N, C-alpha and C. Protein backbone atom coordinates (compact mmCIF):
# COMPACT_ATOMS: atom_id res chain seq x y z
N MET A 1 0.84 -1.19 0.00
CA MET A 1 0.00 0.00 0.00
C MET A 1 0.88 1.24 0.00
N ALA A 2 0.61 2.18 -0.87
CA ALA A 2 1.41 3.39 -0.99
C ALA A 2 1.06 4.37 0.12
N VAL A 3 2.08 4.85 0.81
CA VAL A 3 1.90 5.79 1.91
C VAL A 3 2.88 6.94 1.70
N PRO A 4 2.46 8.20 1.91
CA PRO A 4 3.40 9.32 1.75
C PRO A 4 4.58 9.20 2.72
N LYS A 5 5.78 9.44 2.19
CA LYS A 5 6.97 9.33 3.03
C LYS A 5 7.11 10.55 3.94
N ARG A 6 6.70 11.72 3.45
CA ARG A 6 6.79 12.96 4.22
C ARG A 6 5.44 13.66 4.25
N ARG A 7 5.24 14.44 5.27
CA ARG A 7 4.02 15.25 5.37
C ARG A 7 4.04 16.33 4.29
N THR A 8 2.90 16.60 3.67
CA THR A 8 2.81 17.67 2.67
C THR A 8 2.82 19.02 3.39
N SER A 9 3.76 19.87 3.00
CA SER A 9 3.88 21.17 3.66
C SER A 9 2.70 22.07 3.33
N LYS A 10 2.51 23.10 4.14
CA LYS A 10 1.44 24.08 3.90
C LYS A 10 1.61 24.73 2.54
N SER A 11 2.84 25.03 2.18
CA SER A 11 3.13 25.68 0.91
C SER A 11 2.71 24.81 -0.26
N LYS A 12 3.13 23.54 -0.26
CA LYS A 12 2.77 22.62 -1.34
C LYS A 12 1.27 22.40 -1.41
N LYS A 13 0.64 22.27 -0.27
CA LYS A 13 -0.80 22.05 -0.20
C LYS A 13 -1.54 23.25 -0.78
N ARG A 14 -1.11 24.44 -0.43
CA ARG A 14 -1.77 25.66 -0.91
C ARG A 14 -1.51 25.90 -2.39
N MET A 15 -0.32 25.54 -2.86
CA MET A 15 -0.03 25.67 -4.29
C MET A 15 -0.95 24.75 -5.11
N ARG A 16 -1.18 23.56 -4.61
CA ARG A 16 -2.05 22.61 -5.30
C ARG A 16 -3.49 23.10 -5.32
N ARG A 17 -3.92 23.76 -4.27
CA ARG A 17 -5.31 24.20 -4.14
C ARG A 17 -5.60 25.57 -4.74
N THR A 18 -4.63 26.19 -5.37
CA THR A 18 -4.87 27.54 -5.94
C THR A 18 -5.94 27.53 -7.01
N HIS A 19 -6.15 26.39 -7.68
CA HIS A 19 -7.13 26.30 -8.76
C HIS A 19 -8.50 25.86 -8.26
N HIS A 20 -8.67 25.65 -6.98
CA HIS A 20 -9.94 25.17 -6.43
C HIS A 20 -10.93 26.28 -6.14
N ARG A 21 -10.56 27.52 -6.38
CA ARG A 21 -11.44 28.63 -6.07
C ARG A 21 -12.65 28.65 -7.01
N ALA A 22 -13.71 29.26 -6.55
CA ALA A 22 -14.92 29.38 -7.37
C ALA A 22 -14.71 30.43 -8.46
N PRO A 23 -15.25 30.22 -9.65
CA PRO A 23 -15.10 31.21 -10.71
C PRO A 23 -15.90 32.48 -10.39
N ALA A 24 -15.45 33.59 -10.91
CA ALA A 24 -16.16 34.85 -10.69
C ALA A 24 -17.51 34.81 -11.40
N ALA A 25 -18.51 35.39 -10.78
CA ALA A 25 -19.86 35.40 -11.35
C ALA A 25 -19.88 36.22 -12.63
N THR A 26 -20.55 35.70 -13.65
CA THR A 26 -20.69 36.41 -14.92
C THR A 26 -21.88 37.37 -14.80
N LEU A 27 -21.68 38.61 -15.16
CA LEU A 27 -22.74 39.61 -15.09
C LEU A 27 -22.93 40.25 -16.46
N ALA A 28 -24.16 40.61 -16.74
CA ALA A 28 -24.50 41.29 -17.99
C ALA A 28 -25.49 42.40 -17.67
N PRO A 29 -25.46 43.50 -18.40
CA PRO A 29 -26.41 44.59 -18.13
C PRO A 29 -27.83 44.20 -18.54
N CYS A 30 -28.80 44.60 -17.74
CA CYS A 30 -30.20 44.38 -18.05
C CYS A 30 -30.58 45.31 -19.21
N PRO A 31 -31.22 44.79 -20.26
CA PRO A 31 -31.58 45.66 -21.38
C PRO A 31 -32.66 46.67 -21.03
N LYS A 32 -33.42 46.42 -19.99
CA LYS A 32 -34.51 47.32 -19.59
C LYS A 32 -34.00 48.49 -18.74
N CYS A 33 -33.25 48.16 -17.67
CA CYS A 33 -32.83 49.22 -16.73
C CYS A 33 -31.33 49.48 -16.72
N GLY A 34 -30.52 48.57 -17.31
CA GLY A 34 -29.08 48.77 -17.36
C GLY A 34 -28.34 48.28 -16.13
N GLU A 35 -29.04 47.79 -15.13
CA GLU A 35 -28.42 47.26 -13.92
C GLU A 35 -27.74 45.93 -14.24
N MET A 36 -26.59 45.66 -13.62
CA MET A 36 -25.88 44.40 -13.85
C MET A 36 -26.66 43.26 -13.19
N ARG A 37 -26.80 42.15 -13.92
CA ARG A 37 -27.54 40.99 -13.42
C ARG A 37 -26.92 39.71 -13.99
N ILE A 38 -27.29 38.56 -13.43
CA ILE A 38 -26.83 37.27 -13.92
C ILE A 38 -27.59 36.95 -15.20
N PRO A 39 -26.91 36.51 -16.27
CA PRO A 39 -27.61 36.20 -17.52
C PRO A 39 -28.65 35.09 -17.33
N HIS A 40 -29.71 35.15 -18.10
CA HIS A 40 -30.81 34.17 -18.10
C HIS A 40 -31.56 34.13 -16.77
N ARG A 41 -31.59 35.24 -16.06
CA ARG A 41 -32.31 35.35 -14.80
C ARG A 41 -33.15 36.63 -14.82
N VAL A 42 -34.19 36.66 -14.02
CA VAL A 42 -35.01 37.86 -13.87
C VAL A 42 -34.15 38.95 -13.23
N CYS A 43 -34.27 40.16 -13.71
CA CYS A 43 -33.51 41.28 -13.14
C CYS A 43 -34.04 41.58 -11.74
N PRO A 44 -33.19 41.57 -10.73
CA PRO A 44 -33.66 41.86 -9.37
C PRO A 44 -34.02 43.33 -9.17
N ASN A 45 -33.57 44.20 -10.08
CA ASN A 45 -33.84 45.63 -9.95
C ASN A 45 -35.20 46.02 -10.52
N CYS A 46 -35.52 45.53 -11.74
CA CYS A 46 -36.76 45.95 -12.40
C CYS A 46 -37.79 44.82 -12.52
N GLY A 47 -37.36 43.55 -12.39
CA GLY A 47 -38.29 42.43 -12.45
C GLY A 47 -38.62 41.95 -13.84
N TYR A 48 -37.89 42.41 -14.86
CA TYR A 48 -38.16 42.02 -16.24
C TYR A 48 -37.23 40.90 -16.69
N TYR A 49 -37.75 40.05 -17.58
CA TYR A 49 -36.95 39.02 -18.23
C TYR A 49 -37.50 38.82 -19.64
N LYS A 50 -36.65 38.92 -20.63
CA LYS A 50 -37.03 38.81 -22.05
C LYS A 50 -38.16 39.76 -22.42
N GLY A 51 -38.12 40.98 -21.92
CA GLY A 51 -39.09 41.99 -22.27
C GLY A 51 -40.42 41.90 -21.55
N GLU A 52 -40.59 40.91 -20.68
CA GLU A 52 -41.84 40.74 -19.93
C GLU A 52 -41.60 40.97 -18.45
N ARG A 53 -42.58 41.56 -17.80
CA ARG A 53 -42.49 41.74 -16.35
C ARG A 53 -42.83 40.41 -15.69
N ARG A 54 -41.87 39.84 -14.96
CA ARG A 54 -42.03 38.51 -14.37
C ARG A 54 -42.34 38.58 -12.87
N ILE A 55 -41.73 39.55 -12.18
CA ILE A 55 -41.98 39.71 -10.75
C ILE A 55 -42.27 41.17 -10.44
N GLU A 56 -43.06 41.37 -9.44
CA GLU A 56 -43.42 42.73 -9.01
C GLU A 56 -42.36 43.21 -8.01
N ILE A 57 -41.78 44.37 -8.29
CA ILE A 57 -40.76 44.96 -7.43
C ILE A 57 -41.37 46.14 -6.69
N GLU A 58 -41.23 46.14 -5.35
CA GLU A 58 -41.73 47.26 -4.55
C GLU A 58 -40.70 48.37 -4.55
N ASP A 59 -41.14 49.61 -4.75
CA ASP A 59 -40.23 50.76 -4.76
C ASP A 59 -39.99 51.32 -3.39
């Protein structure tokens, strides 16, 4: 059975894990109000999606 001969140092462990971070969220401007929002989602600012009002937003 294969067993590590030495303990993995903090430096080596952290170097290996540098790619494990979550990707940055993609944002696109809402065509209705211009507020940045996640693509293919209802705009949290105006409540529109694909030119239709989907949710009611209280002012």
